[in-house]
Protein backbone atom coordinates (compact mmCIF):
# COMPACT_ATOMS: atom_id res chain seq x y z
CA MET A 1 -31.41 32.66 21.19
CA GLU A 2 -31.39 35.66 23.38
CA THR A 3 -27.98 37.00 24.07
CA TYR A 4 -24.69 37.17 22.27
CA ALA A 5 -23.17 34.50 24.73
CA ASP A 6 -25.90 32.07 23.82
CA ALA A 7 -25.26 32.72 20.08
CA LEU A 8 -21.60 32.13 20.57
CA TRP A 9 -22.20 28.81 22.41
CA TRP A 10 -24.69 27.77 19.76
CA SER A 11 -21.98 28.44 16.98
CA MET A 12 -19.41 26.69 18.72
CA VAL A 13 -21.51 23.45 19.55
CA THR A 14 -22.80 23.34 16.04
CA ALA A 15 -19.52 23.94 14.22
CA THR A 16 -17.46 21.13 16.33
CA THR A 17 -20.53 18.85 15.63
CA VAL A 18 -21.50 18.24 19.10
CA GLY A 19 -24.88 19.46 18.67
CA TYR A 20 -26.16 19.33 22.20
CA GLY A 21 -29.67 20.71 21.15
CA ASP A 22 -29.80 22.96 24.22
CA ILE A 23 -30.23 26.00 21.75
CA SER A 24 -31.49 26.10 18.21
CA PRO A 25 -32.58 28.56 15.63
CA GLU A 26 -36.25 29.09 15.27
CA THR A 27 -36.42 31.37 12.44
CA GLY A 28 -35.88 30.61 8.69
CA ILE A 29 -32.94 32.90 8.35
CA GLY A 30 -31.41 31.52 11.52
CA ARG A 31 -31.78 28.08 9.97
CA LEU A 32 -30.15 29.06 6.94
CA ILE A 33 -27.29 30.40 8.74
CA ALA A 34 -27.17 27.32 10.74
CA LEU A 35 -27.01 24.99 7.60
CA ILE A 36 -24.21 27.22 6.22
CA LEU A 37 -22.28 26.83 9.52
CA MET A 38 -22.79 23.23 9.56
CA VAL A 39 -21.46 22.84 6.14
CA PHE A 40 -18.26 24.95 6.64
CA GLY A 41 -18.03 24.36 10.47
CA ILE A 42 -17.10 20.80 9.90
CA GLY A 43 -14.68 21.54 6.83
CA LEU A 44 -12.89 24.30 9.02
CA LEU A 45 -12.55 21.77 11.48
CA GLY A 46 -11.09 19.04 9.51
CA MET A 47 -8.85 21.69 7.79
CA ILE A 48 -7.27 22.68 11.03
CA THR A 49 -6.99 19.06 12.39
CA GLY A 50 -5.42 18.07 9.04
CA SER A 51 -3.04 21.13 9.20
CA ILE A 52 -1.86 20.43 12.80
CA ALA A 53 -1.39 16.77 11.78
CA THR A 54 0.72 17.76 8.77
CA TYR A 55 2.82 20.09 10.99
CA PHE A 56 3.74 17.39 13.34
CA LEU A 57 4.48 14.64 10.69
CA SER A 58 6.38 17.00 8.19
CA GLY A 59 9.24 17.46 10.75
CA GLU A 60 9.79 13.62 10.81
CA LYS A 61 10.54 13.09 7.34
CA GLN A 62 13.56 14.45 5.31
CA ASP A 63 13.43 13.80 1.78
CA ASN A 64 16.64 12.88 -0.09
CA PRO A 65 16.40 14.12 -3.83
CA THR A 66 18.18 10.98 -4.91
CA ILE A 67 15.84 8.72 -3.46
CA ASP A 68 12.67 10.79 -4.78
CA PHE A 69 14.57 10.45 -8.32
CA ILE A 70 14.99 6.95 -7.92
CA LYS A 71 11.40 6.34 -6.92
CA ASN A 72 10.05 8.47 -9.96
CA GLU A 73 12.08 6.49 -12.28
CA LEU A 74 11.06 3.05 -10.83
CA SER A 75 7.59 4.25 -11.41
CA ARG A 76 8.17 3.93 -15.11
CA TYR A 77 9.97 0.87 -14.88
CA ASP A 78 8.76 -0.82 -18.13
CA ASN A 79 9.86 2.19 -20.12
CA LEU A 80 13.63 2.65 -19.04
CA SER A 81 16.35 2.24 -21.21
CA GLU A 82 19.33 -0.01 -20.51
CA GLU A 83 21.42 2.83 -19.89
CA GLU A 84 18.89 4.30 -17.23
CA MET A 85 18.66 1.08 -15.39
CA GLU A 86 22.45 1.00 -14.97
CA ARG A 87 22.27 4.77 -13.64
CA LEU A 88 19.71 3.76 -11.16
CA ILE A 89 21.90 0.74 -10.08
CA MET A 90 24.72 3.10 -9.63
CA LEU A 91 22.66 5.55 -7.62
CA MET A 92 21.61 2.60 -5.31
CA LYS A 93 25.09 1.58 -4.77
CA GLN A 94 26.28 5.19 -4.08
CA LEU A 95 23.21 5.49 -1.43
CA SER A 96 24.23 2.10 0.15
CA LYS A 97 27.85 3.43 0.62
CA GLU A 98 26.58 6.73 1.98
CA LYS A 99 24.55 4.73 4.58
CA LYS A 100 27.24 2.50 5.69
CA LYS A 101 29.45 5.60 6.19
CA VAL A 102 26.53 6.99 8.47
CA VAL A 103 26.17 3.82 10.50
CA GLU A 104 29.94 3.51 10.98
C-alpha cells in the first residue's frame, strides 16, 4: 500500500469481507493488522446489521405486562397450584374482554 487512500480502500474491502485482492499487505506486521481487522471487521459489521434490524423490529412490538406474566407462569405449568391456575384463567378472560372492546 502506497497511499493513505489505498490503506483506507483495503481496510473497507477487508472489513466488509468483499476481499477484491487488488491490494494486500506484504509485511508481517501488515498481515497481523489484516488478521485483526478481518476478525473484528466481520463482528462489527454483524453488530451494526443486528442493531439496525433491532431498531426497526422493536417498534412493531408493544409488550403487555399481563401477557408477559401469563407466558412466564405457563412456562412452569407443571408446578402451578390450583389457585394460580384460576388466576391465570381470570386474567385470560379479562384480556379477552379488553380485546373485544378494542374491536368494537
